[in-house]
Amino acid sequence: MGRPLRIALIGIDGSGKSTLARSLAAELTADGRPASYYENAGGRPKLNKLARRLGRRDAVELFGAGGFLAIEMTVRWAAISYALLRSRLTGHTAVMDRYTYCQLAAVRTRRQRGERAVRTFYRLFPRPDLVCFLAVDPVTAQRRVELRGIDNEELDYLVAADNSYRSLPEWSHFVVVDANADRDDVRARVRELLQHA
């Protein structure tokens, strides 16, 4: 049995990563190509919720910029490690909602120091077989986030996040998928790309 396929879906909040990753894993499995969904989140919404419960504005105010980055980076490292290891052991395709690039883009978006440390921390992780950047208009993304009702994002932050992804040196390895389109069309496009991965 060969190495299982590794797929990473990345993009700004509201681009549809989670919805697409879940449905893609289910569809691949139904087609006889066992796949598992992995949410490689850094825990920001939960950490922000904890901070507000403790009377702070957000996790950065609670832990400090450096402390928050260290926690987020470690949580994501553990999640990605688990996804890759479990995929290897089961032979299932790994459909990953977020990857290391999301942490790198977050550091750039927040204009934090520490990108070199993040790259060092994540350097053992391989490049996925397919990295899809779900490109969405930030206004549309903001509306989708609001409709979720779980959290919210400032439009300026979403614009900056989109620019951060596009500024990464890895950008040339990403396949850009128009995520403004209908969800079925987006899923069909990614399925098409998988045939060549």
Protein backbone atom coordinates (compact mmCIF):
# COMPACT_ATOMS: atom_id res chain seq x y z
CA MET A 1 0.00 0.00 0.00
CA GLY A 2 1.40 3.40 -0.97
CA ARG A 3 1.49 6.50 1.16
CA PRO A 4 -2.00 7.99 1.65
CA LEU A 5 -2.88 11.25 -0.05
CA ARG A 6 -2.61 14.47 1.97
CA ILE A 7 -4.97 17.31 1.04
CA ALA A 8 -4.94 20.72 2.74
CA LEU A 9 -7.67 23.31 2.37
CA ILE A 10 -6.58 26.79 3.40
CA GLY A 11 -7.93 30.33 3.18
CA ILE A 12 -9.36 33.15 5.24
CA ASP A 13 -12.10 32.63 7.79
CA GLY A 14 -15.41 32.26 5.96
CA SER A 15 -13.89 30.75 2.81
CA GLY A 16 -15.69 27.44 3.39
CA LYS A 17 -12.73 25.28 4.46
CA SER A 18 -14.50 23.28 7.16
CA THR A 19 -17.69 22.64 5.20
CA LEU A 20 -15.76 21.54 2.11
CA ALA A 21 -13.28 19.38 4.05
CA ARG A 22 -16.04 17.47 5.85
CA SER A 23 -18.08 16.84 2.71
CA LEU A 24 -15.00 15.94 0.67
CA ALA A 25 -13.88 13.32 3.21
CA ALA A 26 -17.38 11.83 3.28
CA GLU A 27 -17.65 11.75 -0.52
CA LEU A 28 -14.26 10.15 -1.02
CA THR A 29 -15.11 7.47 1.55
CA ALA A 30 -18.48 6.81 -0.13
CA ASP A 31 -16.62 6.41 -3.44
CA GLY A 32 -14.47 3.65 -1.94
CA ARG A 33 -11.44 5.83 -1.25
CA PRO A 34 -11.36 5.97 2.58
CA ALA A 35 -10.70 9.50 3.81
CA SER A 36 -10.75 11.25 7.17
CA TYR A 37 -11.45 14.87 8.05
CA TYR A 38 -9.02 16.71 10.32
CA GLU A 39 -9.57 20.15 11.79
CA ASN A 40 -6.09 21.55 12.29
CA ALA A 41 -7.28 24.58 14.21
CA GLY A 42 -5.12 26.63 16.54
CA GLY A 43 -7.89 27.14 19.08
CA ARG A 44 -8.31 30.92 18.72
CA PRO A 45 -12.14 31.03 19.19
CA LYS A 46 -11.95 28.88 22.33
CA LEU A 47 -9.04 30.86 23.73
CA ASN A 48 -10.87 34.12 23.05
CA LYS A 49 -13.97 32.74 24.78
CA LEU A 50 -11.86 31.80 27.81
CA ALA A 51 -10.32 35.27 27.85
CA ARG A 52 -13.73 36.98 27.83
CA ARG A 53 -14.90 34.69 30.62
CA LEU A 54 -11.90 35.91 32.63
CA GLY A 55 -12.70 39.54 31.89
CA ARG A 56 -10.19 40.14 29.09
CA ARG A 57 -10.94 41.38 25.58
CA ASP A 58 -9.29 38.42 23.82
CA ALA A 59 -6.61 35.75 24.12
CA VAL A 60 -3.82 38.15 23.16
CA GLU A 61 -4.73 40.41 26.07
CA LEU A 62 -4.89 37.40 28.38
CA PHE A 63 -1.67 35.64 27.37
CA GLY A 64 0.28 38.40 25.63
CA ALA A 65 1.12 38.30 21.92
CA GLY A 66 4.05 35.92 22.37
CA GLY A 67 2.20 33.63 24.77
CA PHE A 68 -0.83 33.43 22.53
CA LEU A 69 1.31 32.62 19.49
CA ALA A 70 3.12 29.87 21.42
CA ILE A 71 -0.17 28.28 22.52
CA GLU A 72 -1.82 28.54 19.10
CA MET A 73 1.26 27.22 17.32
CA THR A 74 1.56 24.25 19.71
CA VAL A 75 -2.12 23.34 19.47
CA ARG A 76 -1.94 23.40 15.67
CA TRP A 77 1.34 21.42 15.68
CA ALA A 78 -0.31 18.69 17.78
CA ALA A 79 -3.37 18.61 15.51
CA ILE A 80 -1.33 18.34 12.30
CA SER A 81 0.92 15.67 13.84
CA TYR A 82 -2.11 13.62 14.79
CA ALA A 83 -3.67 14.00 11.34
CA LEU A 84 -0.54 12.91 9.50
CA LEU A 85 0.23 10.02 11.84
CA ARG A 86 -3.32 8.68 11.85
CA SER A 87 -3.54 8.98 8.07
CA ARG A 88 -0.29 7.04 7.74
CA LEU A 89 -1.43 4.31 10.12
CA THR A 90 -4.90 3.86 8.64
CA GLY A 91 -3.96 4.44 5.00
CA HIS A 92 -6.85 6.91 4.72
CA THR A 93 -6.59 10.07 2.67
CA ALA A 94 -6.14 13.03 5.03
CA VAL A 95 -8.48 15.91 4.23
CA MET A 96 -7.09 18.69 6.38
CA ASP A 97 -9.00 21.82 7.27
CA ARG A 98 -6.01 24.23 7.65
CA TYR A 99 -2.30 23.49 7.63
CA THR A 100 0.98 25.15 8.61
CA TYR A 101 0.42 27.91 6.06
CA CYS A 102 -2.55 29.15 8.09
CA GLN A 103 -0.29 29.81 11.08
CA LEU A 104 2.26 31.59 8.90
CA ALA A 105 -0.45 33.77 7.36
CA ALA A 106 -1.85 34.56 10.83
CA VAL A 107 1.55 35.76 12.02
CA ARG A 108 1.85 38.05 9.00
CA THR A 109 -1.73 39.30 9.36
CA ARG A 110 -1.21 40.25 13.00
CA ARG A 111 2.21 41.70 12.16
CA GLN A 112 3.75 39.56 14.87
CA ARG A 113 7.36 38.67 15.27
CA GLY A 114 8.16 34.99 15.20
CA GLU A 115 7.59 33.76 11.65
CA ARG A 116 11.07 32.22 11.62
CA ALA A 117 10.28 30.36 14.86
CA VAL A 118 6.99 29.11 13.40
CA ARG A 119 8.77 27.85 10.28
CA THR A 120 11.37 26.07 12.42
CA PHE A 121 8.69 24.52 14.63
CA TYR A 122 6.76 23.21 11.62
CA ARG A 123 9.64 22.22 9.36
CA LEU A 124 9.22 18.47 9.88
CA PHE A 125 5.79 18.55 8.26
CA PRO A 126 5.73 17.57 4.56
CA ARG A 127 4.16 19.62 1.84
CA PRO A 128 0.69 18.14 1.15
CA ASP A 129 0.00 16.49 -2.20
CA LEU A 130 -2.63 19.14 -2.90
CA VAL A 131 -3.01 22.55 -1.25
CA CYS A 132 -6.16 24.41 -2.26
CA PHE A 133 -6.41 28.07 -1.38
CA LEU A 134 -10.11 28.85 -1.25
CA ALA A 135 -10.19 32.39 -2.61
CA VAL A 136 -13.20 34.36 -1.45
CA ASP A 137 -14.10 38.03 -1.45
CA PRO A 138 -13.52 39.31 2.14
CA VAL A 139 -16.98 40.93 2.26
CA THR A 140 -18.58 37.59 1.38
CA ALA A 141 -16.37 35.85 3.93
CA GLN A 142 -17.37 38.30 6.66
CA ARG A 143 -21.06 37.73 5.90
CA ARG A 144 -20.57 33.95 6.10
CA VAL A 145 -18.80 34.25 9.46
CA GLU A 146 -21.64 36.38 10.83
CA LEU A 147 -24.22 33.86 9.62
CA ARG A 148 -22.42 31.11 11.55
CA GLY A 149 -23.17 33.03 14.73
CA ILE A 150 -20.13 31.61 16.54
CA ASP A 151 -17.67 34.46 16.18
CA ASN A 152 -17.03 37.52 14.03
CA GLU A 153 -14.22 38.98 11.97
CA GLU A 154 -13.38 42.57 11.11
CA LEU A 155 -13.32 43.24 7.37
CA ASP A 156 -9.88 44.85 7.62
CA TYR A 157 -8.54 41.68 9.25
CA LEU A 158 -9.96 39.47 6.51
CA VAL A 159 -8.47 41.67 3.79
CA ALA A 160 -5.10 41.60 5.57
CA ALA A 161 -5.33 37.81 5.99
CA ASP A 162 -6.01 37.34 2.28
CA ASN A 163 -2.99 39.50 1.44
CA SER A 164 -0.86 37.55 3.93
CA TYR A 165 -1.60 34.22 2.28
CA ARG A 166 -0.76 35.68 -1.11
CA SER A 167 2.55 37.04 0.20
CA LEU A 168 3.80 33.68 1.51
CA PRO A 169 6.78 32.21 -0.38
CA GLU A 170 4.77 28.97 -0.67
CA TRP A 171 2.02 30.76 -2.64
CA SER A 172 3.24 29.34 -5.96
CA HIS A 173 2.51 25.81 -4.68
CA PHE A 174 -1.13 26.58 -3.88
CA VAL A 175 -3.95 25.84 -6.30
CA VAL A 176 -6.35 28.77 -6.17
CA VAL A 177 -10.01 27.75 -6.17
CA ASP A 178 -12.78 30.33 -6.53
CA ALA A 179 -14.72 29.91 -3.29
CA ASN A 180 -17.21 32.66 -4.19
CA ALA A 181 -18.88 30.07 -6.41
CA ASP A 182 -21.68 27.72 -5.40
CA ARG A 183 -20.52 25.12 -2.84
CA ASP A 184 -21.28 22.25 -5.21
CA ASP A 185 -19.15 23.88 -7.90
CA VAL A 186 -16.28 24.41 -5.45
CA ARG A 187 -16.46 20.78 -4.34
CA ALA A 188 -16.55 19.59 -7.96
CA ARG A 189 -13.48 21.67 -8.78
CA VAL A 190 -11.51 20.20 -5.87
CA ARG A 191 -12.60 16.68 -6.83
CA GLU A 192 -11.31 17.37 -10.32
CA LEU A 193 -7.97 18.53 -8.93
CA LEU A 194 -7.72 15.37 -6.84
CA GLN A 195 -7.68 13.26 -9.97
CA HIS A 196 -4.27 14.74 -10.81
CA ALA A 197 -2.82 14.80 -7.26
